Structures are given as structure tokens and as C-alpha cells.
Amino acid sequence: QVQLVESGGGLVQAGGSLRLSCAASGRTFSTYSMGWFRQAPGKEREFVSAISRGASITAYADSVKGRFTISRDNAKNTAYLQMNSLKPEDTAVYYCAASLGAPVAAPDNYDYWGQGTQVTVSS
């Protein structure tokens, strides 16, 4: 069992930056691929980014490529999402998720989810 807690969300102006953190409980964090997803009001949850167990593989949605960077620190049991050049359309609740499988975009591949953190980007 893995418990995930996101933090770092907030209100930021367009063009600004935020760094989200996802703290995981337990001593098996390094066995999980990690993903970030987001859900805006009235929309389906969508893939943002994912990273493999050893951080050698990363993946990004086209909408965030070049602006967001995913990383992880297995010694700290924490995954991060650095978000730069934020746009109003990035406004959503951001969730981190853990998968025993590959770092893919499909939400069904993920076994554990955090409670989410709100990111609001004003224009």
C-alpha cells in the first residue's frame, strides 16, 4: 500500500511557475513509476507527465512539453512536477499517481492516487 500526498498548488499569474510535490509513504517508492494527471472543472482527467522508477524515462503530454519537468528523489520518497510558463488553461486539480507498471499515460495503469492539489492560473 502506498499513500500519496500532493502539495505545492496555489494561485499564480500567467507566465509564472509552481513546483508540485508528491510525498509517498512506505519504503517501496522506488518500485513505482509515478505519474501526474490533472482535471479541470467539467473535463475528464488527463495525463500530464510520468517518470520511470529510476528516472531514466519521462513522458509528457504535448500541451505541457517544454514547460513542465517531472523528476523524483527516491531517497526522499518524493516526486516533483516543475511547472513553468503557466497558462490559464493549466488551471486544474493536479493528482499524482503510482504504478507498478510502466510510466504510461493511461490512468487505469496506476494503482494509487493522491487527493489532489489545486492549481489556478490567472490571466
N, C-alpha and C. Protein backbone atom coordinates (compact mmCIF):
# COMPACT_ATOMS: atom_id res chain seq x y z
N GLN A 1 0.85 -1.19 0.00
CA GLN A 1 0.00 0.00 0.00
C GLN A 1 0.89 1.24 0.00
N VAL A 2 0.54 2.19 -0.82
CA VAL A 2 1.26 3.46 -0.91
C VAL A 2 0.26 4.59 -0.70
N GLN A 3 0.60 5.51 0.14
CA GLN A 3 -0.21 6.72 0.31
C GLN A 3 0.54 7.90 -0.29
N LEU A 4 -0.17 8.70 -1.07
CA LEU A 4 0.43 9.81 -1.79
C LEU A 4 -0.21 11.11 -1.33
N VAL A 5 0.62 12.11 -1.07
CA VAL A 5 0.13 13.41 -0.65
C VAL A 5 0.77 14.49 -1.52
N GLU A 6 -0.06 15.22 -2.26
CA GLU A 6 0.43 16.30 -3.10
C GLU A 6 0.47 17.61 -2.32
N SER A 7 1.37 18.46 -2.72
CA SER A 7 1.45 19.81 -2.16
C SER A 7 2.07 20.74 -3.20
N GLY A 8 1.98 22.03 -2.94
CA GLY A 8 2.63 23.00 -3.80
C GLY A 8 1.70 23.74 -4.74
N GLY A 9 0.43 23.37 -4.75
CA GLY A 9 -0.51 24.09 -5.60
C GLY A 9 -0.77 25.48 -5.07
N GLY A 10 -1.49 26.26 -5.87
CA GLY A 10 -1.82 27.62 -5.45
C GLY A 10 -2.28 28.46 -6.61
N LEU A 11 -2.33 29.75 -6.36
CA LEU A 11 -2.76 30.73 -7.36
C LEU A 11 -1.52 31.45 -7.90
N VAL A 12 -1.41 31.49 -9.21
CA VAL A 12 -0.26 32.13 -9.83
C VAL A 12 -0.72 32.87 -11.08
N GLN A 13 -0.01 33.92 -11.44
CA GLN A 13 -0.35 34.64 -12.66
C GLN A 13 0.21 33.90 -13.88
N ALA A 14 -0.42 34.14 -15.00
CA ALA A 14 0.06 33.55 -16.25
C ALA A 14 1.53 33.92 -16.46
N GLY A 15 2.30 32.93 -16.89
CA GLY A 15 3.73 33.13 -17.06
C GLY A 15 4.55 32.75 -15.85
N GLY A 16 3.88 32.52 -14.74
CA GLY A 16 4.56 32.18 -13.51
C GLY A 16 4.90 30.71 -13.42
N SER A 17 5.44 30.32 -12.25
CA SER A 17 5.89 28.95 -12.03
C SER A 17 5.38 28.42 -10.70
N LEU A 18 5.22 27.12 -10.65
CA LEU A 18 4.93 26.41 -9.41
C LEU A 18 5.67 25.08 -9.45
N ARG A 19 5.99 24.56 -8.28
CA ARG A 19 6.54 23.21 -8.20
C ARG A 19 5.66 22.37 -7.30
N LEU A 20 5.09 21.34 -7.88
CA LEU A 20 4.28 20.41 -7.11
C LEU A 20 5.16 19.29 -6.57
N SER A 21 4.81 18.84 -5.37
CA SER A 21 5.49 17.71 -4.76
C SER A 21 4.49 16.61 -4.48
N CYS A 22 4.95 15.39 -4.52
CA CYS A 22 4.12 14.23 -4.21
C CYS A 22 4.92 13.35 -3.25
N ALA A 23 4.55 13.38 -1.99
CA ALA A 23 5.25 12.61 -0.97
C ALA A 23 4.58 11.26 -0.81
N ALA A 24 5.37 10.20 -0.85
CA ALA A 24 4.85 8.84 -0.76
C ALA A 24 5.25 8.20 0.57
N SER A 25 4.32 7.46 1.13
CA SER A 25 4.63 6.71 2.35
C SER A 25 5.24 5.38 1.97
N GLY A 26 5.85 4.72 2.94
CA GLY A 26 6.37 3.39 2.69
C GLY A 26 7.79 3.41 2.17
N ARG A 27 8.39 2.21 2.14
CA ARG A 27 9.78 2.10 1.74
C ARG A 27 9.94 1.53 0.34
N THR A 28 8.84 1.47 -0.42
CA THR A 28 8.91 0.86 -1.74
C THR A 28 8.70 1.87 -2.86
N PHE A 29 8.90 3.13 -2.57
CA PHE A 29 8.65 4.19 -3.56
C PHE A 29 9.40 3.93 -4.85
N SER A 30 10.62 3.46 -4.74
CA SER A 30 11.46 3.29 -5.92
C SER A 30 10.98 2.17 -6.84
N THR A 31 10.01 1.38 -6.39
CA THR A 31 9.49 0.30 -7.24
C THR A 31 8.32 0.76 -8.10
N TYR A 32 7.90 2.01 -7.93
CA TYR A 32 6.75 2.54 -8.65
C TYR A 32 7.15 3.54 -9.71
N SER A 33 6.55 3.44 -10.87
CA SER A 33 6.54 4.56 -11.80
C SER A 33 5.57 5.59 -11.24
N MET A 34 5.84 6.85 -11.51
CA MET A 34 4.99 7.92 -10.99
C MET A 34 4.43 8.74 -12.14
N GLY A 35 3.19 9.16 -11.94
CA GLY A 35 2.55 9.98 -12.96
C GLY A 35 1.87 11.18 -12.34
N TRP A 36 1.70 12.20 -13.16
CA TRP A 36 0.91 13.37 -12.79
C TRP A 36 -0.25 13.49 -13.79
N PHE A 37 -1.41 13.74 -13.25
CA PHE A 37 -2.62 13.94 -14.04
C PHE A 37 -3.29 15.21 -13.56
N ARG A 38 -4.21 15.73 -14.35
CA ARG A 38 -4.97 16.91 -13.93
C ARG A 38 -6.40 16.80 -14.41
N GLN A 39 -7.26 17.49 -13.69
CA GLN A 39 -8.67 17.51 -14.05
C GLN A 39 -9.22 18.90 -13.83
N ALA A 40 -9.69 19.49 -14.92
CA ALA A 40 -10.31 20.80 -14.86
C ALA A 40 -11.82 20.63 -14.68
N PRO A 41 -12.50 21.64 -14.17
CA PRO A 41 -13.96 21.53 -13.97
C PRO A 41 -14.67 21.18 -15.27
N GLY A 42 -15.51 20.17 -15.21
CA GLY A 42 -16.29 19.77 -16.37
C GLY A 42 -15.53 18.97 -17.40
N LYS A 43 -14.29 18.65 -17.11
CA LYS A 43 -13.48 17.89 -18.07
C LYS A 43 -13.02 16.57 -17.46
N GLU A 44 -12.60 15.67 -18.31
CA GLU A 44 -12.08 14.39 -17.85
C GLU A 44 -10.65 14.56 -17.34
N ARG A 45 -10.26 13.63 -16.48
CA ARG A 45 -8.89 13.63 -16.01
C ARG A 45 -7.96 13.35 -17.19
N GLU A 46 -6.87 14.12 -17.27
CA GLU A 46 -5.96 13.95 -18.38
C GLU A 46 -4.53 13.77 -17.90
N PHE A 47 -3.78 13.05 -18.69
CA PHE A 47 -2.38 12.79 -18.41
C PHE A 47 -1.57 14.06 -18.57
N VAL A 48 -0.61 14.25 -17.66
CA VAL A 48 0.32 15.38 -17.75
C VAL A 48 1.74 14.89 -18.00
N SER A 49 2.21 14.00 -17.13
CA SER A 49 3.59 13.56 -17.22
C SER A 49 3.78 12.30 -16.42
N ALA A 50 4.85 11.55 -16.73
CA ALA A 50 5.17 10.33 -16.00
C ALA A 50 6.67 10.11 -16.00
N ILE A 51 7.13 9.34 -15.00
CA ILE A 51 8.56 9.07 -14.87
C ILE A 51 8.75 7.64 -14.40
N SER A 52 9.76 7.00 -14.92
CA SER A 52 10.02 5.60 -14.56
C SER A 52 10.67 5.50 -13.19
N ARG A 53 10.82 4.28 -12.72
CA ARG A 53 11.32 4.03 -11.37
C ARG A 53 12.68 4.68 -11.12
N GLY A 54 13.56 4.55 -12.07
CA GLY A 54 14.90 5.09 -11.91
C GLY A 54 15.10 6.43 -12.58
N ALA A 55 14.00 7.02 -13.05
CA ALA A 55 14.00 8.35 -13.68
C ALA A 55 14.68 8.39 -15.04
N SER A 56 14.94 7.24 -15.63
CA SER A 56 15.59 7.24 -16.93
C SER A 56 14.62 7.51 -18.08
N ILE A 57 13.33 7.30 -17.81
CA ILE A 57 12.31 7.52 -18.84
C ILE A 57 11.30 8.54 -18.31
N THR A 58 11.03 9.55 -19.13
CA THR A 58 9.99 10.52 -18.81
C THR A 58 9.07 10.68 -20.02
N ALA A 59 7.86 11.09 -19.74
CA ALA A 59 6.88 11.31 -20.80
C ALA A 59 6.05 12.53 -20.45
N TYR A 60 5.62 13.24 -21.48
CA TYR A 60 4.85 14.46 -21.28
C TYR A 60 3.70 14.54 -22.28
N ALA A 61 2.61 15.14 -21.84
CA ALA A 61 1.55 15.49 -22.76
C ALA A 61 2.05 16.61 -23.66
N ASP A 62 1.58 16.64 -24.88
CA ASP A 62 2.02 17.68 -25.81
C ASP A 62 1.74 19.08 -25.29
N SER A 63 0.66 19.21 -24.53
CA SER A 63 0.25 20.53 -24.06
C SER A 63 1.20 21.12 -23.02
N VAL A 64 2.05 20.28 -22.41
CA VAL A 64 2.96 20.78 -21.38
C VAL A 64 4.42 20.59 -21.74
N LYS A 65 4.69 19.94 -22.85
CA LYS A 65 6.05 19.66 -23.25
C LYS A 65 6.83 20.96 -23.41
N GLY A 66 8.02 21.00 -22.82
CA GLY A 66 8.85 22.20 -22.89
C GLY A 66 8.57 23.19 -21.79
N ARG A 67 7.50 23.02 -21.06
CA ARG A 67 7.16 23.93 -19.95
C ARG A 67 7.22 23.22 -18.60
N PHE A 68 6.85 21.96 -18.56
CA PHE A 68 6.82 21.19 -17.31
C PHE A 68 7.97 20.20 -17.29
N THR A 69 8.48 19.92 -16.10
CA THR A 69 9.54 18.94 -15.92
C THR A 69 9.21 18.04 -14.74
N ILE A 70 9.20 16.76 -14.98
CA ILE A 70 8.94 15.79 -13.92
C ILE A 70 10.28 15.27 -13.40
N SER A 71 10.34 15.00 -12.12
CA SER A 71 11.54 14.44 -11.52
C SER A 71 11.14 13.66 -10.28
N ARG A 72 12.10 12.97 -9.70
CA ARG A 72 11.84 12.22 -8.48
C ARG A 72 13.12 12.09 -7.68
N ASP A 73 12.95 11.95 -6.38
CA ASP A 73 14.06 11.72 -5.47
C ASP A 73 13.69 10.47 -4.67
N ASN A 74 14.22 9.34 -5.05
CA ASN A 74 13.83 8.09 -4.38
C ASN A 74 14.30 8.05 -2.92
N ALA A 75 15.36 8.77 -2.61
CA ALA A 75 15.83 8.81 -1.22
C ALA A 75 14.85 9.57 -0.33
N LYS A 76 14.10 10.48 -0.93
CA LYS A 76 13.12 11.28 -0.17
C LYS A 76 11.69 10.79 -0.41
N ASN A 77 11.53 9.73 -1.18
CA ASN A 77 10.18 9.20 -1.47
C ASN A 77 9.27 10.29 -2.04
N THR A 78 9.79 11.10 -2.93
CA THR A 78 9.03 12.24 -3.43
C THR A 78 9.21 12.39 -4.94
N ALA A 79 8.10 12.69 -5.59
CA ALA A 79 8.11 13.05 -7.00
C ALA A 79 7.74 14.52 -7.12
N TYR A 80 8.22 15.13 -8.18
CA TYR A 80 8.01 16.57 -8.37
C TYR A 80 7.48 16.85 -9.77
N LEU A 81 6.80 17.98 -9.87
CA LEU A 81 6.41 18.50 -11.19
C LEU A 81 6.70 19.99 -11.18
N GLN A 82 7.76 20.38 -11.88
CA GLN A 82 8.10 21.79 -12.04
C GLN A 82 7.31 22.34 -13.21
N MET A 83 6.52 23.36 -12.95
CA MET A 83 5.65 23.92 -13.97
C MET A 83 6.06 25.37 -14.22
N ASN A 84 6.53 25.64 -15.42
CA ASN A 84 6.94 26.99 -15.82
C ASN A 84 6.04 27.52 -16.92
N SER A 85 6.10 28.80 -17.15
CA SER A 85 5.31 29.45 -18.21
C SER A 85 3.86 29.02 -18.15
N LEU A 86 3.30 29.08 -16.97
CA LEU A 86 1.94 28.61 -16.77
C LEU A 86 0.93 29.44 -17.54
N LYS A 87 -0.11 28.76 -18.00
CA LYS A 87 -1.18 29.39 -18.78
C LYS A 87 -2.51 29.19 -18.04
N PRO A 88 -3.48 30.05 -18.31
CA PRO A 88 -4.79 29.85 -17.67
C PRO A 88 -5.37 28.46 -17.93
N GLU A 89 -5.10 27.89 -19.08
CA GLU A 89 -5.63 26.57 -19.39
C GLU A 89 -4.95 25.45 -18.60
N ASP A 90 -3.92 25.77 -17.83
CA ASP A 90 -3.32 24.79 -16.93
C ASP A 90 -4.09 24.69 -15.62
N THR A 91 -5.07 25.55 -15.42
CA THR A 91 -5.85 25.52 -14.20
C THR A 91 -6.58 24.19 -14.06
N ALA A 92 -6.37 23.54 -12.93
CA ALA A 92 -6.96 22.21 -12.70
C ALA A 92 -6.56 21.72 -11.31
N VAL A 93 -7.18 20.63 -10.91
CA VAL A 93 -6.67 19.88 -9.76
C VAL A 93 -5.64 18.89 -10.29
N TYR A 94 -4.47 18.91 -9.69
CA TYR A 94 -3.38 18.04 -10.12
C TYR A 94 -3.24 16.87 -9.16
N TYR A 95 -3.16 15.68 -9.72
CA TYR A 95 -3.04 14.45 -8.95
C TYR A 95 -1.75 13.73 -9.28
N CYS A 96 -1.13 13.17 -8.28
CA CYS A 96 -0.04 12.25 -8.57
C CYS A 96 -0.55 10.84 -8.38
N ALA A 97 0.11 9.91 -9.06
CA ALA A 97 -0.32 8.52 -9.03
C ALA A 97 0.90 7.61 -9.13
N ALA A 98 0.77 6.42 -8.58
CA ALA A 98 1.86 5.44 -8.56
C ALA A 98 1.43 4.18 -9.29
N SER A 99 2.35 3.65 -10.07
CA SER A 99 2.06 2.46 -10.86
C SER A 99 3.18 1.43 -10.71
N LEU A 100 2.77 0.16 -10.57
CA LEU A 100 3.75 -0.92 -10.56
C LEU A 100 4.20 -1.26 -11.98
N GLY A 101 3.52 -0.66 -12.95
CA GLY A 101 3.86 -0.90 -14.34
C GLY A 101 4.70 0.22 -14.93
N ALA A 102 4.62 0.35 -16.22
CA ALA A 102 5.42 1.33 -16.95
C ALA A 102 4.84 2.74 -16.77
N PRO A 103 5.67 3.76 -17.01
CA PRO A 103 5.20 5.15 -16.88
C PRO A 103 4.41 5.58 -18.11
N VAL A 104 3.17 5.16 -18.17
CA VAL A 104 2.36 5.42 -19.35
C VAL A 104 1.29 6.45 -19.05
N ALA A 105 0.56 6.83 -20.09
CA ALA A 105 -0.44 7.88 -19.97
C ALA A 105 -1.79 7.40 -19.47
N ALA A 106 -2.05 6.12 -19.55
CA ALA A 106 -3.38 5.60 -19.20
C ALA A 106 -3.61 5.59 -17.71
N PRO A 107 -4.62 6.30 -17.22
CA PRO A 107 -4.90 6.33 -15.79
C PRO A 107 -5.15 4.95 -15.20
N ASP A 108 -5.73 4.05 -15.97
CA ASP A 108 -6.05 2.72 -15.45
C ASP A 108 -4.80 1.93 -15.07
N ASN A 109 -3.65 2.38 -15.54
CA ASN A 109 -2.40 1.69 -15.25
C ASN A 109 -1.88 1.99 -13.86
N TYR A 110 -2.48 2.98 -13.21
CA TYR A 110 -1.98 3.45 -11.92
C TYR A 110 -2.79 2.86 -10.78
N ASP A 111 -2.05 2.46 -9.74
CA ASP A 111 -2.64 1.71 -8.65
C ASP A 111 -3.04 2.58 -7.46
N TYR A 112 -2.33 3.66 -7.26
CA TYR A 112 -2.59 4.52 -6.11
C TYR A 112 -2.62 5.98 -6.56
N TRP A 113 -3.49 6.75 -5.89
CA TRP A 113 -3.70 8.16 -6.24
C TRP A 113 -3.68 9.02 -4.99
N GLY A 114 -3.18 10.24 -5.17
CA GLY A 114 -3.26 11.23 -4.11
C GLY A 114 -4.60 11.93 -4.14
N GLN A 115 -4.78 12.86 -3.22
CA GLN A 115 -6.06 13.55 -3.09
C GLN A 115 -6.15 14.77 -4.00
N GLY A 116 -5.04 15.19 -4.55
CA GLY A 116 -5.03 16.32 -5.48
C GLY A 116 -4.67 17.64 -4.83
N THR A 117 -4.14 18.53 -5.64
CA THR A 117 -3.82 19.89 -5.21
C THR A 117 -4.26 20.86 -6.31
N GLN A 118 -4.89 21.93 -5.90
CA GLN A 118 -5.47 22.88 -6.87
C GLN A 118 -4.39 23.82 -7.40
N VAL A 119 -4.37 23.97 -8.70
CA VAL A 119 -3.52 24.96 -9.37
C VAL A 119 -4.44 25.90 -10.15
N THR A 120 -4.33 27.18 -9.85
CA THR A 120 -5.14 28.17 -10.54
C THR A 120 -4.22 29.21 -11.16
N VAL A 121 -4.35 29.41 -12.46
CA VAL A 121 -3.52 30.36 -13.19
C VAL A 121 -4.42 31.49 -13.68
N SER A 122 -4.15 32.69 -13.22
CA SER A 122 -4.95 33.84 -13.61
C SER A 122 -4.35 34.51 -14.83
N SER A 123 -5.22 35.11 -15.63
CA SER A 123 -4.75 35.77 -16.86
C SER A 123 -4.43 37.22 -16.62
